[in-house]
C-alpha atoms as a PDB file:
ATOM      1  CA  MET A   1      15.421  66.048  -8.711  1.00  0.00           C
ATOM      2  CA  ARG A   2      12.547  63.881  -9.874  1.00  0.00           C
ATOM      3  CA  LYS A   3      12.486  62.532 -13.415  1.00  0.00           C
ATOM      4  CA  LEU A   4       9.394  61.046 -14.939  1.00  0.00           C
ATOM      5  CA  SER A   5       7.576  60.441 -18.181  1.00  0.00           C
ATOM      6  CA  LYS A   6       4.704  62.593 -19.349  1.00  0.00           C
ATOM      7  CA  SER A   7       1.425  60.730 -19.562  1.00  0.00           C
ATOM      8  CA  SER A   8      -1.786  61.553 -21.399  1.00  0.00           C
ATOM      9  CA  LYS A   9      -3.287  65.017 -21.375  1.00  0.00           C
ATOM     10  CA  PRO A  10      -5.475  65.811 -18.373  1.00  0.00           C
ATOM     11  CA  ASN A  11      -9.210  66.199 -18.538  1.00  0.00           C
ATOM     12  CA  ASN A  12     -10.813  69.426 -17.446  1.00  0.00           C
ATOM     13  CA  GLY A  13     -11.849  67.854 -14.163  1.00  0.00           C
ATOM     14  CA  SER A  14     -10.077  68.152 -10.862  1.00  0.00           C
ATOM     15  CA  SER A  15      -8.960  64.528 -10.832  1.00  0.00           C
ATOM     16  CA  HIS A  16      -7.166  62.258 -13.261  1.00  0.00           C
ATOM     17  CA  LYS A  17      -6.451  58.592 -12.736  1.00  0.00           C
ATOM     18  CA  PRO A  18      -3.780  56.690 -14.670  1.00  0.00           C
ATOM     19  CA  SER A  19      -5.341  54.292 -17.172  1.00  0.00           C
ATOM     20  CA  ASN A  20      -5.423  50.607 -16.240  1.00  0.00           C
ATOM     21  CA  ASN A  21      -2.835  48.627 -18.150  1.00  0.00           C
ATOM     22  CA  PRO A  22      -3.518  44.884 -18.540  1.00  0.00           C
ATOM     23  CA  SER A  23       0.198  44.138 -18.501  1.00  0.00           C
ATOM     24  CA  ASN A  24       0.528  45.892 -15.170  1.00  0.00           C
ATOM     25  CA  GLU A  25      -2.365  43.930 -13.709  1.00  0.00           C
ATOM     26  CA  SER A  26      -0.927  40.579 -14.789  1.00  0.00           C
ATOM     27  CA  SER A  27       2.443  41.412 -13.282  1.00  0.00           C
ATOM     28  CA  ASN A  28       0.800  42.075  -9.916  1.00  0.00           C
ATOM     29  CA  LYS A  29      -0.998  38.756  -9.456  1.00  0.00           C
ATOM     30  CA  PRO A  30      -0.861  37.225  -5.967  1.00  0.00           C
ATOM     31  CA  GLY A  31       2.426  35.511  -5.387  1.00  0.00           C
ATOM     32  CA  ASN A  32       4.236  37.559  -8.011  1.00  0.00           C
ATOM     33  CA  LYS A  33       6.358  40.543  -7.156  1.00  0.00           C
ATOM     34  CA  PRO A  34       5.779  43.544  -9.446  1.00  0.00           C
ATOM     35  CA  GLY A  35       8.569  44.045 -11.936  1.00  0.00           C
ATOM     36  CA  LYS A  36      10.810  47.094 -11.858  1.00  0.00           C
ATOM     37  CA  GLN A  37       9.293  48.489 -15.048  1.00  0.00           C
ATOM     38  CA  THR A  38       5.752  48.198 -13.687  1.00  0.00           C
ATOM     39  CA  THR A  39       6.703  49.786 -10.378  1.00  0.00           C
ATOM     40  CA  LYS A  40       8.402  52.703 -12.094  1.00  0.00           C
ATOM     41  CA  ALA A  41       5.455  53.217 -14.459  1.00  0.00           C
ATOM     42  CA  LEU A  42       2.934  53.341 -11.624  1.00  0.00           C
ATOM     43  CA  ALA A  43       5.111  55.656  -9.561  1.00  0.00           C
ATOM     44  CA  ALA A  44       5.596  57.967 -12.529  1.00  0.00           C
ATOM     45  CA  ALA A  45       1.859  58.097 -13.210  1.00  0.00           C
ATOM     46  CA  ALA A  46       1.126  58.966  -9.585  1.00  0.00           C
ATOM     47  CA  LEU A  47       3.739  61.717  -9.514  1.00  0.00           C
ATOM     48  CA  LEU A  48       2.543  63.246 -12.780  1.00  0.00           C
ATOM     49  CA  THR A  49      -1.043  63.245 -11.555  1.00  0.00           C
ATOM     50  CA  ALA A  50       0.027  65.423  -8.635  1.00  0.00           C
ATOM     51  CA  ALA A  51       2.197  67.683 -10.774  1.00  0.00           C
ATOM     52  CA  ALA A  52      -0.129  68.131 -13.733  1.00  0.00           C
ATOM     53  CA  LEU A  53      -3.415  68.525 -11.907  1.00  0.00           C
ATOM     54  CA  SER A  54      -2.620  70.418  -8.719  1.00  0.00           C
ATOM     55  CA  LEU A  55      -5.340  73.031  -8.541  1.00  0.00           C
ATOM     56  CA  THR A  56      -5.540  75.788  -6.007  1.00  0.00           C
ATOM     57  CA  ALA A  57      -8.602  77.776  -5.070  1.00  0.00           C
ATOM     58  CA  CYS A  58      -7.756  81.459  -4.922  1.00  0.00           C
ATOM     59  CA  GLY A  59     -10.359  83.682  -3.356  1.00  0.00           C
ATOM     60  CA  SER A  60      -9.696  87.261  -4.358  1.00  0.00           C
ATOM     61  CA  GLY A  61     -12.147  88.953  -2.048  1.00  0.00           C
ATOM     62  CA  ASP A  62     -13.353  92.269  -3.410  1.00  0.00           C
ATOM     63  CA  GLY A  63     -10.470  92.427  -5.876  1.00  0.00           C
ATOM     64  CA  LYS A  64      -8.660  95.286  -4.135  1.00  0.00           C
ATOM     65  CA  LYS A  65      -4.878  95.231  -4.300  1.00  0.00           C
ATOM     66  CA  ASP A  66      -4.098  97.362  -1.254  1.00  0.00           C
ATOM     67  CA  LYS A  67      -2.433  94.461   0.538  1.00  0.00           C
ATOM     68  CA  PRO A  68       1.325  94.008   0.240  1.00  0.00           C
ATOM     69  CA  VAL A  69       2.705  91.582  -2.311  1.00  0.00           C
ATOM     70  CA  ALA A  70       3.188  88.078  -0.899  1.00  0.00           C
ATOM     71  CA  ASP A  71       6.308  87.434   1.134  1.00  0.00           C
ATOM     72  CA  VAL A  72       9.116  85.856  -0.822  1.00  0.00           C
ATOM     73  CA  SER A  73      10.016  82.304   0.153  1.00  0.00           C
ATOM     74  CA  MET A  74      13.793  81.980   0.443  1.00  0.00           C
ATOM     75  CA  GLU A  75      14.271  78.691   2.276  1.00  0.00           C
ATOM     76  CA  SER A  76      14.376  75.614   0.075  1.00  0.00           C
ATOM     77  CA  GLY A  77      11.395  73.384   0.857  1.00  0.00           C
ATOM     78  CA  THR A  78      11.523  69.734   1.845  1.00  0.00           C
ATOM     79  CA  LYS A  79       9.567  68.661  -1.254  1.00  0.00           C
ATOM     80  CA  LYS A  80      11.187  68.471  -4.657  1.00  0.00           C
ATOM     81  CA  ALA A  81      10.526  71.736  -6.429  1.00  0.00           C
ATOM     82  CA  ALA A  82      11.009  70.526  -9.986  1.00  0.00           C
ATOM     83  CA  THR A  83      10.276  67.530 -12.165  1.00  0.00           C
ATOM     84  CA  VAL A  84      12.240  66.766 -15.343  1.00  0.00           C
ATOM     85  CA  LEU A  85      10.031  65.188 -18.007  1.00  0.00           C
ATOM     86  CA  ASP A  86      11.243  62.339 -20.207  1.00  0.00           C
ATOM     87  CA  LYS A  87       8.720  63.425 -22.843  1.00  0.00           C
ATOM     88  CA  PRO A  88       8.634  67.242 -22.891  1.00  0.00           C
ATOM     89  CA  PHE A  89       5.571  69.315 -23.744  1.00  0.00           C
ATOM     90  CA  LYS A  90       5.333  71.148 -27.036  1.00  0.00           C
ATOM     91  CA  LYS A  91       5.213  74.909 -26.584  1.00  0.00           C
ATOM     92  CA  PRO A  92       1.571  76.088 -26.756  1.00  0.00           C
ATOM     93  CA  ASP A  93       0.463  77.519 -30.082  1.00  0.00           C
ATOM     94  CA  LEU A  94      -0.790  80.629 -28.327  1.00  0.00           C
ATOM     95  CA  VAL A  95      -1.481  84.093 -29.728  1.00  0.00           C
ATOM     96  CA  LEU A  96      -2.760  86.719 -27.268  1.00  0.00           C
ATOM     97  CA  LYS A  97      -2.310  90.429 -26.475  1.00  0.00           C
ATOM     98  CA  ASP A  98       0.526  91.758 -24.335  1.00  0.00           C
ATOM     99  CA  THR A  99       0.251  94.526 -21.741  1.00  0.00           C
ATOM    100  CA  HIS A 100       0.532  97.141 -24.509  1.00  0.00           C
ATOM    101  CA  GLY A 101      -2.315  95.654 -26.505  1.00  0.00           C
ATOM    102  CA  LYS A 102      -0.005  94.256 -29.164  1.00  0.00           C
ATOM    103  CA  LYS A 103      -0.300  90.797 -30.686  1.00  0.00           C
ATOM    104  CA  TYR A 104       2.026  88.300 -29.019  1.00  0.00           C
ATOM    105  CA  ASP A 105       2.760  84.942 -30.629  1.00  0.00           C
ATOM    106  CA  LEU A 106       4.282  82.778 -27.895  1.00  0.00           C
ATOM    107  CA  ARG A 107       6.006  80.326 -30.212  1.00  0.00           C
ATOM    108  CA  GLU A 108       7.321  82.945 -32.608  1.00  0.00           C
ATOM    109  CA  GLN A 109       8.505  85.498 -30.078  1.00  0.00           C
ATOM    110  CA  THR A 110      10.176  83.063 -27.695  1.00  0.00           C
ATOM    111  CA  LYS A 111      11.721  80.777 -30.312  1.00  0.00           C
ATOM    112  CA  GLY A 112      15.218  79.684 -29.291  1.00  0.00           C
ATOM    113  CA  LYS A 113      14.912  81.337 -25.872  1.00  0.00           C
ATOM    114  CA  PRO A 114      14.606  79.894 -22.356  1.00  0.00           C
ATOM    115  CA  VAL A 115      11.070  80.438 -21.076  1.00  0.00           C
ATOM    116  CA  LEU A 116       9.236  80.178 -17.761  1.00  0.00           C
ATOM    117  CA  LEU A 117       5.475  79.948 -18.392  1.00  0.00           C
ATOM    118  CA  TYR A 118       2.922  80.497 -15.631  1.00  0.00           C
ATOM    119  CA  TYR A 119      -0.879  80.767 -15.593  1.00  0.00           C
ATOM    120  CA  GLY A 120      -2.419  82.912 -12.859  1.00  0.00           C
ATOM    121  CA  TYR A 121      -4.214  86.202 -12.241  1.00  0.00           C
ATOM    122  CA  THR A 122      -3.532  89.557 -10.626  1.00  0.00           C
ATOM    123  CA  ASN A 123      -6.257  89.372  -7.958  1.00  0.00           C
ATOM    124  CA  CYS A 124      -4.826  86.107  -6.633  1.00  0.00           C
ATOM    125  CA  PRO A 125      -3.996  86.721  -2.955  1.00  0.00           C
ATOM    126  CA  ASP A 126      -1.316  84.099  -2.434  1.00  0.00           C
ATOM    127  CA  VAL A 127       0.371  81.625  -4.784  1.00  0.00           C
ATOM    128  CA  CYS A 128       0.443  83.827  -7.909  1.00  0.00           C
ATOM    129  CA  PRO A 129       2.265  86.833  -6.427  1.00  0.00           C
ATOM    130  CA  LEU A 130       4.455  84.502  -4.375  1.00  0.00           C
ATOM    131  CA  THR A 131       5.529  82.555  -7.461  1.00  0.00           C
ATOM    132  CA  MET A 132       6.340  85.649  -9.483  1.00  0.00           C
ATOM    133  CA  SER A 133       8.133  87.269  -6.542  1.00  0.00           C
ATOM    134  CA  ASN A 134      10.282  84.181  -6.073  1.00  0.00           C
ATOM    135  CA  ILE A 135      11.345  84.244  -9.714  1.00  0.00           C
ATOM    136  CA  ALA A 136      12.041  87.985  -9.599  1.00  0.00           C
ATOM    137  CA  VAL A 137      14.168  87.668  -6.447  1.00  0.00           C
ATOM    138  CA  ALA A 138      16.081  84.758  -7.966  1.00  0.00           C
ATOM    139  CA  LYS A 139      16.925  86.830 -11.048  1.00  0.00           C
ATOM    140  CA  LYS A 140      18.171  89.755  -8.967  1.00  0.00           C
ATOM    141  CA  SER A 141      20.264  87.496  -6.775  1.00  0.00           C
ATOM    142  CA  LEU A 142      21.913  85.851  -9.790  1.00  0.00           C
ATOM    143  CA  LEU A 143      22.985  89.257 -11.074  1.00  0.00           C
ATOM    144  CA  GLN A 144      24.174  90.481  -7.692  1.00  0.00           C
ATOM    145  CA  LYS A 145      26.290  87.364  -7.199  1.00  0.00           C
ATOM    146  CA  LYS A 146      27.457  87.531 -10.827  1.00  0.00           C
ATOM    147  CA  THR A 147      26.409  83.925 -11.328  1.00  0.00           C
ATOM    148  CA  VAL A 148      25.244  84.909 -14.799  1.00  0.00           C
ATOM    149  CA  THR A 149      25.785  88.006 -16.906  1.00  0.00           C
ATOM    150  CA  LYS A 150      22.986  90.442 -17.663  1.00  0.00           C
ATOM    151  CA  ALA A 151      23.144  89.428 -21.322  1.00  0.00           C
ATOM    152  CA  GLU A 152      22.621  85.799 -20.355  1.00  0.00           C
ATOM    153  CA  LEU A 153      19.755  86.605 -17.988  1.00  0.00           C
ATOM    154  CA  ASP A 154      18.086  88.827 -20.585  1.00  0.00           C
ATOM    155  CA  LYS A 155      17.564  85.738 -22.717  1.00  0.00           C
ATOM    156  CA  LEU A 156      15.133  84.364 -20.135  1.00  0.00           C
ATOM    157  CA  GLN A 157      11.484  85.070 -20.994  1.00  0.00           C
ATOM    158  CA  VAL A 158       9.130  84.933 -18.011  1.00  0.00           C
ATOM    159  CA  VAL A 159       5.584  84.788 -19.385  1.00  0.00           C
ATOM    160  CA  PHE A 160       2.522  85.266 -17.175  1.00  0.00           C
ATOM    161  CA  VAL A 161      -0.784  84.301 -18.831  1.00  0.00           C
ATOM    162  CA  THR A 162      -3.886  85.492 -16.997  1.00  0.00           C
ATOM    163  CA  THR A 163      -6.590  82.994 -16.084  1.00  0.00           C
ATOM    164  CA  ASP A 164      -9.002  85.867 -15.366  1.00  0.00           C
ATOM    165  CA  PRO A 165      -9.067  87.863 -18.623  1.00  0.00           C
ATOM    166  CA  LYS A 166     -12.360  89.610 -17.807  1.00  0.00           C
ATOM    167  CA  ARG A 167     -10.668  91.596 -15.035  1.00  0.00           C
ATOM    168  CA  ASP A 168      -7.033  91.395 -16.107  1.00  0.00           C
ATOM    169  CA  THR A 169      -6.801  93.990 -18.835  1.00  0.00           C
ATOM    170  CA  GLY A 170      -3.453  94.807 -20.407  1.00  0.00           C
ATOM    171  CA  LYS A 171      -3.152  97.830 -18.135  1.00  0.00           C
ATOM    172  CA  GLU A 172      -3.939  95.817 -14.984  1.00  0.00           C
ATOM    173  CA  LEU A 173      -1.429  93.149 -15.956  1.00  0.00           C
ATOM    174  CA  GLY A 174       1.244  95.696 -16.784  1.00  0.00           C
ATOM    175  CA  THR A 175       0.930  97.515 -13.476  1.00  0.00           C
ATOM    176  CA  TRP A 176       0.921  94.313 -11.438  1.00  0.00           C
ATOM    177  CA  LEU A 177       3.863  92.701 -13.211  1.00  0.00           C
ATOM    178  CA  LYS A 178       5.944  95.876 -13.172  1.00  0.00           C
ATOM    179  CA  ALA A 179       5.877  95.747  -9.375  1.00  0.00           C
ATOM    180  CA  GLN A 180       7.427  92.288  -9.585  1.00  0.00           C
ATOM    181  CA  ASP A 181       9.845  92.682 -12.491  1.00  0.00           C
ATOM    182  CA  PRO A 182       9.532  95.124 -15.433  1.00  0.00           C
ATOM    183  CA  GLU A 183      10.902  92.424 -17.742  1.00  0.00           C
ATOM    184  CA  PHE A 184       8.050  90.002 -17.069  1.00  0.00           C
ATOM    185  CA  ILE A 185       5.699  89.503 -20.010  1.00  0.00           C
ATOM    186  CA  GLY A 186       1.936  89.580 -19.376  1.00  0.00           C
ATOM    187  CA  LEU A 187      -0.623  88.128 -21.781  1.00  0.00           C
ATOM    188  CA  THR A 188      -4.407  88.343 -21.869  1.00  0.00           C
ATOM    189  CA  GLY A 189      -7.171  87.385 -24.289  1.00  0.00           C
ATOM    190  CA  ASP A 190     -10.272  85.187 -24.454  1.00  0.00           C
ATOM    191  CA  PHE A 191     -10.652  82.514 -21.794  1.00  0.00           C
ATOM    192  CA  PRO A 192     -11.274  79.474 -24.075  1.00  0.00           C
ATOM    193  CA  THR A 193      -7.996  80.138 -25.907  1.00  0.00           C
ATOM    194  CA  ILE A 194      -6.120  80.494 -22.628  1.00  0.00           C
ATOM    195  CA  GLN A 195      -7.704  77.396 -21.113  1.00  0.00           C
ATOM    196  CA  GLY A 196      -6.986  75.340 -24.230  1.00  0.00           C
ATOM    197  CA  SER A 197      -3.334  76.350 -24.278  1.00  0.00           C
ATOM    198  CA  ALA A 198      -2.936  75.478 -20.592  1.00  0.00           C
ATOM    199  CA  ARG A 199      -4.271  71.977 -21.201  1.00  0.00           C
ATOM    200  CA  THR A 200      -1.534  71.292 -23.746  1.00  0.00           C
ATOM    201  CA  VAL A 201       1.075  71.636 -20.983  1.00  0.00           C
ATOM    202  CA  GLY A 202      -0.849  69.661 -18.364  1.00  0.00           C
ATOM    203  CA  ILE A 203      -2.311  72.638 -16.494  1.00  0.00           C
ATOM    204  CA  SER A 204      -5.996  72.782 -15.553  1.00  0.00           C
ATOM    205  CA  ILE A 205      -7.761  76.103 -15.103  1.00  0.00           C
ATOM    206  CA  GLU A 206     -11.407  76.942 -14.569  1.00  0.00           C
ATOM    207  CA  PRO A 207     -13.396  80.157 -15.139  1.00  0.00           C
ATOM    208  CA  SER A 208     -13.517  82.534 -12.182  1.00  0.00           C
ATOM    209  CA  LYS A 209     -16.809  82.412 -10.310  1.00  0.00           C
ATOM    210  CA  GLU A 210     -18.514  84.573  -7.724  1.00  0.00           C
ATOM    211  CA  LEU A 211     -19.333  82.879  -4.444  1.00  0.00           C
ATOM    212  CA  LYS A 212     -22.443  83.526  -2.332  1.00  0.00           C
ATOM    213  CA  ASN A 213     -20.418  85.772  -0.043  1.00  0.00           C
ATOM    214  CA  GLY A 214     -19.514  87.986  -2.991  1.00  0.00           C
ATOM    215  CA  LYS A 215     -15.900  86.849  -3.229  1.00  0.00           C
ATOM    216  CA  ILE A 216     -14.383  85.747  -6.507  1.00  0.00           C
ATOM    217  CA  GLU A 217     -12.842  82.279  -6.622  1.00  0.00           C
ATOM    218  CA  SER A 218     -10.561  80.956  -9.328  1.00  0.00           C
ATOM    219  CA  MET A 219      -9.260  77.419  -9.666  1.00  0.00           C
ATOM    220  CA  HIS A 220      -5.963  77.086 -11.497  1.00  0.00           C
ATOM    221  CA  GLY A 221      -2.873  74.923 -11.640  1.00  0.00           C
ATOM    222  CA  THR A 222       0.179  76.246  -9.837  1.00  0.00           C
ATOM    223  CA  GLN A 223       2.846  74.844 -12.151  1.00  0.00           C
ATOM    224  CA  VAL A 224       5.643  76.811 -13.764  1.00  0.00           C
ATOM    225  CA  VAL A 225       6.796  75.166 -16.995  1.00  0.00           C
ATOM    226  CA  ALA A 226      10.374  75.746 -18.152  1.00  0.00           C
ATOM    227  CA  PHE A 227      11.090  75.565 -21.899  1.00  0.00           C
ATOM    228  CA  SER A 228      14.507  74.764 -23.296  1.00  0.00           C
ATOM    229  CA  PRO A 229      16.130  77.205 -25.761  1.00  0.00           C
ATOM    230  CA  LYS A 230      17.542  74.191 -27.592  1.00  0.00           C
ATOM    231  CA  SER A 231      14.319  72.330 -28.341  1.00  0.00           C
ATOM    232  CA  ASP A 232      11.614  74.904 -27.524  1.00  0.00           C
ATOM    233  CA  THR A 233       9.874  72.228 -25.459  1.00  0.00           C
ATOM    234  CA  GLY A 234       8.720  72.291 -21.854  1.00  0.00           C
ATOM    235  CA  TYR A 235      11.030  69.847 -20.125  1.00  0.00           C
ATOM    236  CA  VAL A 236      10.914  70.951 -16.480  1.00  0.00           C
ATOM    237  CA  VAL A 237       7.817  71.530 -14.339  1.00  0.00           C
ATOM    238  CA  TYR A 238       7.966  73.425 -11.046  1.00  0.00           C
ATOM    239  CA  ASN A 239       5.307  73.242  -8.381  1.00  0.00           C
ATOM    240  CA  GLY A 240       4.587  76.903  -7.711  1.00  0.00           C
ATOM    241  CA  LYS A 241       3.485  76.144  -4.161  1.00  0.00           C
ATOM    242  CA  ASP A 242       6.754  74.470  -3.219  1.00  0.00           C
ATOM    243  CA  ALA A 243       9.411  76.130  -5.384  1.00  0.00           C
ATOM    244  CA  THR A 244      11.318  78.883  -3.576  1.00  0.00           C
ATOM    245  CA  ALA A 245      13.509  81.756  -4.706  1.00  0.00           C
ATOM    246  CA  LYS A 246      16.523  79.615  -3.811  1.00  0.00           C
ATOM    247  CA  ASP A 247      15.250  76.808  -6.019  1.00  0.00           C
ATOM    248  CA  TYR A 248      14.951  79.137  -9.011  1.00  0.00           C
ATOM    249  CA  GLU A 249      18.285  80.775  -8.249  1.00  0.00           C
ATOM    250  CA  ARG A 250      19.950  77.372  -8.280  1.00  0.00           C
ATOM    251  CA  ASP A 251      18.237  76.142 -11.455  1.00  0.00           C
ATOM    252  CA  LEU A 252      17.937  79.187 -13.727  1.00  0.00           C
ATOM    253  CA  PRO A 253      21.571  79.201 -14.963  1.00  0.00           C
ATOM    254  CA  LYS A 254      20.974  75.666 -16.255  1.00  0.00           C
ATOM    255  CA  ILE A 255      17.531  76.472 -17.648  1.00  0.00           C
ATOM    256  CA  ILE A 256      19.027  79.392 -19.572  1.00  0.00           C
ATOM    257  CA  GLU A 257      21.438  76.982 -21.245  1.00  0.00           C
ATOM    258  CA  GLY A 258      18.830  74.279 -21.809  1.00  0.00           C
ATOM    259  CA  ARG A 259      20.394  71.844 -19.340  1.00  0.00           C
ATOM    260  CA  ASN A 260      18.622  69.706 -16.765  1.00  0.00           C
ATOM    261  CA  PRO A 261      18.526  71.346 -13.324  1.00  0.00           C
END
C-alpha cells in the first residue's frame, strides 16, 4: 500500500510537474546527499503526478453497445492498486441529476456513508466497464463469502459520474449501470460542472471530440476515489487500470468502516 501526501490541484492539461522548491535544490548540491525529507517529498510528488493525472483515451467507435461488457479482472496486478493520501480530498460540492431525472446532491445524499466515486462514460469500450464490473464482482463475492453483511454492504455508495453528458442521458446511464449493478448510482448534467468537480479530487477530464475517422474520443482520468464515512473525505485513490476485483474485495470491508486498506 502506498501512502503519500496530496499536492496542489492539477491543471487542465495532460501533464503536471511538481513545483521547484528552493530548499530541495539546496539540499541536492554536488557533494551533499539529499536528506530523507527531500527524497520522500520528491518521490511523493512523482507518485501523485501519475495517480492524479493519468488520462486514458477512449475511442467509442460508432457508439453502439452490442459488444459484451469488458471481462472482469480477477488476478491482483503487480502494481499497487491503491494510494492512501495523507491529506484527503474534500468531497465535491456536486449537484446533478440521477438516472430518474431527480436532483442528486452528492454531499448531502452520501453524508456519513462510504463512497466510491468514478468519472467515465457509457460508450467507453474498455476501462470504464472494466472498472465498474470489477467493483460489482467484488461486492457479490463479499456477500457470497459472508465477509460482510448485506446491511453493511448497502451502506456503500458507488457513484458513476458521466464525462459525456451529451450522449449519456439518465435513461442511457440507468440501462448501462443496471447491467453492472442495480445499486450503482449514475449522475449526469452539464459538462463544466462535471469537469470542475473532477478537478477538486485530482481527476482531469476533457470534452469528447469526434475524430476524422468519425469515431468519438474522450480523455478522462481512470481513478476511483474512496470517501470515508467518518470524515466524508476522499482518502484512498485507486488506479482504475490496475485495480482488480480482488483488490476491491480485499479493501471494501475496510473502506466501509472508514479504515485504511
